[in-house]
Every structure is written in structure tokens, then in C-alpha cells.
Amino acid sequence: MKISAAESVVMEALWRREPLSREEIAAEVAGPQGWSEGTVKTLINRLLRKKAVEATPDGRRYLYRPAVSRADYVEAESQGLLDRLFGGRVAPLVSHFSEGGKLSPEDVAELKRLIQELEP
């Protein structure tokens, strides 16, 4: 399932707090993004068609909740990125960021900690 950058803003709102009505989603994301309520409605409808979001009737409105967990989505997107750009391997990804000067000292320390945890 491919979720666009704009759709991911709606998903993030739902992953933070669910269920939400369309109005609640719009109140959370429309202003910061400069979107109208119509734009939010369009994004919700796209996510419904993709089966990324589920809707439950609640009186005269619907409540929306994610149909996919954030962890599952991040896992799939991360693996897709690795597969497309780095042959499915993590080391070339880290090397790419290292060579580009994109790793902060904090990033390097975190990577060292993670590697130590992985070593027997």
C-alpha cells in the first residue's frame, strides 16, 4: 500500500489518537498544512479506498481509525526503500549518509550502541 506524503499526515493524526471524526482530523491537520476541510475529506476518502483507514458509523458521522499499524507501515516502507535503492542492505544506506556528512555525533553513538546490542 502506497500512502502519499499528504495522506501520511492524516495517518499520523490517527496513529496518535483514534478514533477521530473527519472534523477532528481536519482540526488537527488542516491549519498547520494550509488545507481546507475539503482537502482533508479527499485524503480520508483516498485512504478508505486504499483500505489504510476504516470508518465506523457514529450517529450522523463516521469515526475513522487506521487499518494498518504505524510499525507495520514503517517496516514496509523502510524495506521498500532498502530494496529499491540499496539492494535490500542496510550498510550501504548508512554508508550513504556517512559519506554525505548527514550523521550527527548522536547518530554515530546510537549506531554504535545498536551494533553492540546485536553482537553476541
N, C-alpha and C. Protein backbone atom coordinates (compact mmCIF):
# COMPACT_ATOMS: atom_id res chain seq x y z
N MET A 1 0.85 -1.17 0.00
CA MET A 1 0.00 0.00 0.00
C MET A 1 0.90 1.24 0.00
N LYS A 2 0.69 2.09 -0.96
CA LYS A 2 1.45 3.34 -1.04
C LYS A 2 0.60 4.47 -0.46
N ILE A 3 1.16 5.13 0.52
CA ILE A 3 0.50 6.28 1.16
C ILE A 3 1.32 7.50 0.80
N SER A 4 0.66 8.51 0.22
CA SER A 4 1.36 9.73 -0.18
C SER A 4 1.79 10.53 1.05
N ALA A 5 2.63 11.52 0.83
CA ALA A 5 3.08 12.38 1.92
C ALA A 5 1.89 13.08 2.58
N ALA A 6 0.96 13.57 1.79
CA ALA A 6 -0.21 14.24 2.35
C ALA A 6 -1.08 13.26 3.13
N GLU A 7 -1.29 12.07 2.58
CA GLU A 7 -2.08 11.06 3.27
C GLU A 7 -1.42 10.65 4.58
N SER A 8 -0.10 10.65 4.61
CA SER A 8 0.61 10.25 5.82
C SER A 8 0.38 11.25 6.96
N VAL A 9 0.10 12.50 6.63
CA VAL A 9 -0.21 13.49 7.67
C VAL A 9 -1.51 13.08 8.38
N VAL A 10 -2.49 12.66 7.62
CA VAL A 10 -3.76 12.19 8.20
C VAL A 10 -3.51 10.91 9.00
N MET A 11 -2.72 10.00 8.46
CA MET A 11 -2.43 8.76 9.17
C MET A 11 -1.73 9.03 10.50
N GLU A 12 -0.79 9.95 10.50
CA GLU A 12 -0.07 10.28 11.74
C GLU A 12 -1.04 10.78 12.80
N ALA A 13 -2.02 11.60 12.39
CA ALA A 13 -3.02 12.08 13.34
C ALA A 13 -3.80 10.91 13.92
N LEU A 14 -4.15 9.95 13.09
CA LEU A 14 -4.91 8.78 13.55
C LEU A 14 -4.04 7.85 14.39
N TRP A 15 -2.78 7.72 14.05
CA TRP A 15 -1.90 6.87 14.86
C TRP A 15 -1.68 7.48 16.25
N ARG A 16 -1.69 8.80 16.33
CA ARG A 16 -1.52 9.46 17.63
C ARG A 16 -2.74 9.26 18.52
N ARG A 17 -3.94 9.34 17.90
CA ARG A 17 -5.18 9.28 18.68
C ARG A 17 -6.29 8.79 17.77
N GLU A 18 -6.95 7.77 18.19
CA GLU A 18 -8.06 7.21 17.42
C GLU A 18 -9.18 6.78 18.34
N PRO A 19 -10.39 6.68 17.89
CA PRO A 19 -10.89 7.10 16.58
C PRO A 19 -11.09 8.61 16.55
N LEU A 20 -11.11 9.16 15.35
CA LEU A 20 -11.36 10.58 15.14
C LEU A 20 -12.43 10.77 14.07
N SER A 21 -13.24 11.79 14.23
CA SER A 21 -14.19 12.17 13.18
C SER A 21 -13.45 12.98 12.12
N ARG A 22 -14.10 13.17 10.99
CA ARG A 22 -13.50 13.99 9.93
C ARG A 22 -13.21 15.39 10.45
N GLU A 23 -14.12 15.93 11.23
CA GLU A 23 -13.93 17.28 11.77
C GLU A 23 -12.73 17.33 12.72
N GLU A 24 -12.56 16.29 13.52
CA GLU A 24 -11.42 16.24 14.44
C GLU A 24 -10.10 16.11 13.69
N ILE A 25 -10.12 15.31 12.65
CA ILE A 25 -8.90 15.17 11.82
C ILE A 25 -8.58 16.52 11.19
N ALA A 26 -9.59 17.17 10.62
CA ALA A 26 -9.37 18.47 9.98
C ALA A 26 -8.85 19.49 10.99
N ALA A 27 -9.41 19.48 12.19
CA ALA A 27 -8.96 20.43 13.21
C ALA A 27 -7.49 20.23 13.56
N GLU A 28 -7.05 18.99 13.50
CA GLU A 28 -5.67 18.68 13.85
C GLU A 28 -4.68 18.96 12.72
N VAL A 29 -5.07 18.69 11.48
CA VAL A 29 -4.08 18.75 10.40
C VAL A 29 -4.29 19.88 9.39
N ALA A 30 -5.51 20.36 9.22
CA ALA A 30 -5.77 21.33 8.15
C ALA A 30 -5.01 22.62 8.34
N GLY A 31 -5.09 23.22 9.51
CA GLY A 31 -4.43 24.50 9.77
C GLY A 31 -2.94 24.47 9.53
N PRO A 32 -2.22 23.56 10.20
CA PRO A 32 -0.76 23.51 10.02
C PRO A 32 -0.34 23.24 8.57
N GLN A 33 -1.19 22.54 7.81
CA GLN A 33 -0.85 22.20 6.43
C GLN A 33 -1.37 23.24 5.43
N GLY A 34 -2.23 24.14 5.90
CA GLY A 34 -2.84 25.10 4.98
C GLY A 34 -3.89 24.46 4.10
N TRP A 35 -4.55 23.41 4.60
CA TRP A 35 -5.55 22.67 3.84
C TRP A 35 -6.95 23.11 4.22
N SER A 36 -7.88 22.95 3.28
CA SER A 36 -9.30 23.15 3.57
C SER A 36 -9.87 21.83 4.11
N GLU A 37 -11.09 21.91 4.64
CA GLU A 37 -11.76 20.68 5.08
C GLU A 37 -12.00 19.75 3.90
N GLY A 38 -12.24 20.32 2.73
CA GLY A 38 -12.43 19.50 1.53
C GLY A 38 -11.21 18.68 1.19
N THR A 39 -10.04 19.27 1.37
CA THR A 39 -8.80 18.54 1.12
C THR A 39 -8.67 17.37 2.08
N VAL A 40 -8.98 17.62 3.35
CA VAL A 40 -8.90 16.56 4.35
C VAL A 40 -9.89 15.45 4.00
N LYS A 41 -11.09 15.82 3.59
CA LYS A 41 -12.11 14.83 3.21
C LYS A 41 -11.60 13.99 2.03
N THR A 42 -10.99 14.62 1.05
CA THR A 42 -10.44 13.91 -0.10
C THR A 42 -9.37 12.92 0.34
N LEU A 43 -8.49 13.34 1.23
CA LEU A 43 -7.42 12.46 1.71
C LEU A 43 -7.99 11.27 2.48
N ILE A 44 -9.00 11.52 3.31
CA ILE A 44 -9.64 10.43 4.05
C ILE A 44 -10.26 9.44 3.07
N ASN A 45 -10.94 9.94 2.05
CA ASN A 45 -11.56 9.06 1.05
C ASN A 45 -10.52 8.22 0.32
N ARG A 46 -9.39 8.82 -0.01
CA ARG A 46 -8.32 8.06 -0.66
C ARG A 46 -7.83 6.94 0.26
N LEU A 47 -7.65 7.27 1.53
CA LEU A 47 -7.17 6.28 2.49
C LEU A 47 -8.20 5.16 2.69
N LEU A 48 -9.47 5.51 2.63
CA LEU A 48 -10.52 4.48 2.72
C LEU A 48 -10.45 3.54 1.52
N ARG A 49 -10.28 4.10 0.31
CA ARG A 49 -10.18 3.27 -0.90
C ARG A 49 -8.96 2.35 -0.85
N LYS A 50 -7.90 2.83 -0.25
CA LYS A 50 -6.68 2.02 -0.13
C LYS A 50 -6.76 1.02 1.02
N LYS A 51 -7.83 1.12 1.79
CA LYS A 51 -8.04 0.26 2.96
C LYS A 51 -6.96 0.50 4.03
N ALA A 52 -6.44 1.72 4.08
CA ALA A 52 -5.49 2.11 5.13
C ALA A 52 -6.23 2.63 6.35
N VAL A 53 -7.50 3.02 6.14
CA VAL A 53 -8.35 3.58 7.19
C VAL A 53 -9.69 2.86 7.16
N GLU A 54 -10.26 2.68 8.36
CA GLU A 54 -11.60 2.10 8.48
C GLU A 54 -12.54 3.15 9.05
N ALA A 55 -13.80 3.09 8.65
CA ALA A 55 -14.81 4.04 9.13
C ALA A 55 -15.93 3.27 9.83
N THR A 56 -16.32 3.82 10.97
CA THR A 56 -17.41 3.24 11.75
C THR A 56 -18.49 4.30 11.94
N PRO A 57 -19.74 3.99 11.62
CA PRO A 57 -20.81 4.98 11.83
C PRO A 57 -20.94 5.33 13.31
N ASP A 58 -21.15 6.61 13.57
CA ASP A 58 -21.36 7.12 14.93
C ASP A 58 -22.43 8.21 14.84
N GLY A 59 -23.68 7.79 14.90
CA GLY A 59 -24.77 8.75 14.71
C GLY A 59 -24.78 9.24 13.28
N ARG A 60 -24.68 10.56 13.11
CA ARG A 60 -24.72 11.14 11.76
C ARG A 60 -23.33 11.35 11.17
N ARG A 61 -22.33 10.83 11.83
CA ARG A 61 -20.97 11.00 11.34
C ARG A 61 -20.25 9.65 11.36
N TYR A 62 -19.02 9.66 10.89
CA TYR A 62 -18.19 8.46 10.93
C TYR A 62 -16.98 8.74 11.80
N LEU A 63 -16.51 7.69 12.45
CA LEU A 63 -15.25 7.74 13.18
C LEU A 63 -14.24 6.92 12.41
N TYR A 64 -13.04 7.46 12.28
CA TYR A 64 -12.00 6.83 11.47
C TYR A 64 -10.88 6.33 12.37
N ARG A 65 -10.34 5.20 11.96
CA ARG A 65 -9.19 4.64 12.67
C ARG A 65 -8.29 3.97 11.65
N PRO A 66 -7.00 3.90 11.94
CA PRO A 66 -6.09 3.26 10.99
C PRO A 66 -6.36 1.77 10.89
N ALA A 67 -6.27 1.24 9.70
CA ALA A 67 -6.42 -0.20 9.47
C ALA A 67 -5.07 -0.89 9.44
N VAL A 68 -4.01 -0.10 9.47
CA VAL A 68 -2.65 -0.61 9.48
C VAL A 68 -1.90 0.09 10.61
N SER A 69 -1.09 -0.64 11.33
CA SER A 69 -0.34 -0.03 12.42
C SER A 69 0.81 0.80 11.85
N ARG A 70 1.23 1.78 12.62
CA ARG A 70 2.35 2.61 12.19
C ARG A 70 3.61 1.76 12.03
N ALA A 71 3.82 0.83 12.97
CA ALA A 71 5.00 -0.03 12.92
C ALA A 71 5.03 -0.86 11.64
N ASP A 72 3.88 -1.44 11.26
CA ASP A 72 3.81 -2.24 10.03
C ASP A 72 4.06 -1.38 8.80
N TYR A 73 3.50 -0.17 8.81
CA TYR A 73 3.69 0.72 7.66
C TYR A 73 5.15 1.14 7.54
N VAL A 74 5.76 1.52 8.66
CA VAL A 74 7.17 1.94 8.64
C VAL A 74 8.05 0.78 8.18
N GLU A 75 7.76 -0.42 8.65
CA GLU A 75 8.53 -1.60 8.24
C GLU A 75 8.46 -1.80 6.73
N ALA A 76 7.26 -1.75 6.17
CA ALA A 76 7.09 -1.96 4.73
C ALA A 76 7.77 -0.86 3.92
N GLU A 77 7.59 0.38 4.33
CA GLU A 77 8.21 1.49 3.61
C GLU A 77 9.73 1.43 3.69
N SER A 78 10.25 1.11 4.87
CA SER A 78 11.70 1.02 5.06
C SER A 78 12.29 -0.08 4.19
N GLN A 79 11.63 -1.24 4.19
CA GLN A 79 12.13 -2.34 3.37
C GLN A 79 12.05 -1.99 1.89
N GLY A 80 10.98 -1.31 1.49
CA GLY A 80 10.87 -0.89 0.09
C GLY A 80 12.00 0.05 -0.31
N LEU A 81 12.32 0.99 0.56
CA LEU A 81 13.42 1.91 0.29
C LEU A 81 14.75 1.16 0.17
N LEU A 82 14.99 0.27 1.13
CA LEU A 82 16.23 -0.52 1.08
C LEU A 82 16.31 -1.34 -0.20
N ASP A 83 15.21 -1.99 -0.55
CA ASP A 83 15.21 -2.83 -1.75
C ASP A 83 15.45 -2.01 -3.02
N ARG A 84 14.75 -0.88 -3.13
CA ARG A 84 14.85 -0.06 -4.35
C ARG A 84 16.21 0.60 -4.51
N LEU A 85 16.76 1.11 -3.43
CA LEU A 85 17.95 1.95 -3.55
C LEU A 85 19.26 1.30 -3.11
N PHE A 86 19.16 0.27 -2.25
CA PHE A 86 20.39 -0.27 -1.66
C PHE A 86 20.46 -1.79 -1.71
N GLY A 87 19.75 -2.40 -2.65
CA GLY A 87 19.82 -3.84 -2.81
C GLY A 87 19.35 -4.61 -1.59
N GLY A 88 18.50 -4.00 -0.79
CA GLY A 88 17.97 -4.68 0.40
C GLY A 88 18.90 -4.69 1.59
N ARG A 89 20.02 -3.95 1.49
CA ARG A 89 21.03 -3.97 2.56
C ARG A 89 21.06 -2.65 3.31
N VAL A 90 21.28 -2.73 4.62
CA VAL A 90 21.31 -1.55 5.48
C VAL A 90 22.66 -0.84 5.40
N ALA A 91 23.76 -1.60 5.32
CA ALA A 91 25.09 -1.00 5.36
C ALA A 91 25.29 0.07 4.28
N PRO A 92 24.89 -0.18 3.02
CA PRO A 92 25.05 0.88 2.01
C PRO A 92 24.23 2.14 2.33
N LEU A 93 23.09 1.97 2.97
CA LEU A 93 22.29 3.13 3.38
C LEU A 93 23.05 3.97 4.40
N VAL A 94 23.59 3.32 5.41
CA VAL A 94 24.35 4.04 6.44
C VAL A 94 25.59 4.68 5.82
N SER A 95 26.24 3.95 4.94
CA SER A 95 27.42 4.49 4.26
C SER A 95 27.07 5.74 3.46
N HIS A 96 25.93 5.70 2.79
CA HIS A 96 25.47 6.85 2.01
C HIS A 96 25.35 8.08 2.90
N PHE A 97 24.71 7.93 4.05
CA PHE A 97 24.54 9.06 4.95
C PHE A 97 25.86 9.48 5.57
N SER A 98 26.72 8.53 5.84
CA SER A 98 28.03 8.84 6.42
C SER A 98 28.88 9.65 5.45
N GLU A 99 28.92 9.22 4.19
CA GLU A 99 29.71 9.91 3.19
C GLU A 99 29.17 11.30 2.90
N GLY A 100 27.89 11.48 3.05
CA GLY A 100 27.27 12.78 2.80
C GLY A 100 27.33 13.71 4.01
N GLY A 101 27.96 13.27 5.08
CA GLY A 101 28.07 14.10 6.28
C GLY A 101 26.74 14.30 6.99
N LYS A 102 25.82 13.38 6.79
CA LYS A 102 24.47 13.53 7.36
C LYS A 102 24.33 12.91 8.75
N LEU A 103 25.36 12.19 9.21
CA LEU A 103 25.27 11.55 10.52
C LEU A 103 25.85 12.48 11.59
N SER A 104 25.03 12.81 12.57
CA SER A 104 25.49 13.63 13.68
C SER A 104 26.26 12.76 14.66
N PRO A 105 27.02 13.36 15.57
CA PRO A 105 27.69 12.55 16.60
C PRO A 105 26.69 11.70 17.40
N GLU A 106 25.49 12.23 17.60
CA GLU A 106 24.47 11.47 18.32
C GLU A 106 24.04 10.24 17.50
N ASP A 107 23.92 10.42 16.18
CA ASP A 107 23.57 9.30 15.31
C ASP A 107 24.64 8.21 15.37
N VAL A 108 25.90 8.62 15.32
CA VAL A 108 27.00 7.67 15.36
C VAL A 108 27.00 6.91 16.68
N ALA A 109 26.79 7.63 17.78
CA ALA A 109 26.73 6.98 19.10
C ALA A 109 25.58 5.97 19.16
N GLU A 110 24.43 6.35 18.61
CA GLU A 110 23.27 5.44 18.60
C GLU A 110 23.55 4.21 17.76
N LEU A 111 24.18 4.39 16.60
CA LEU A 111 24.52 3.24 15.75
C LEU A 111 25.49 2.31 16.47
N LYS A 112 26.48 2.87 17.16
CA LYS A 112 27.43 2.04 17.91
C LYS A 112 26.70 1.24 18.99
N ARG A 113 25.77 1.89 19.68
CA ARG A 113 25.02 1.22 20.72
C ARG A 113 24.20 0.06 20.14
N LEU A 114 23.54 0.32 19.00
CA LEU A 114 22.74 -0.72 18.36
C LEU A 114 23.60 -1.91 17.92
N ILE A 115 24.77 -1.63 17.38
CA ILE A 115 25.67 -2.70 16.94
C ILE A 115 26.13 -3.51 18.12
N GLN A 116 26.45 -2.86 19.23
CA GLN A 116 26.86 -3.59 20.44
C GLN A 116 25.75 -4.51 20.93
N GLU A 117 24.51 -4.06 20.84
CA GLU A 117 23.37 -4.89 21.25
C GLU A 117 23.21 -6.11 20.36
N LEU A 118 23.57 -5.98 19.09
CA LEU A 118 23.42 -7.08 18.14
C LEU A 118 24.52 -8.12 18.25
N GLU A 119 25.69 -7.71 18.74
CA GLU A 119 26.82 -8.63 18.84
C GLU A 119 26.64 -9.55 20.03
N PRO A 120 26.99 -10.84 19.85
CA PRO A 120 26.83 -11.80 20.96
C PRO A 120 27.83 -11.55 22.08
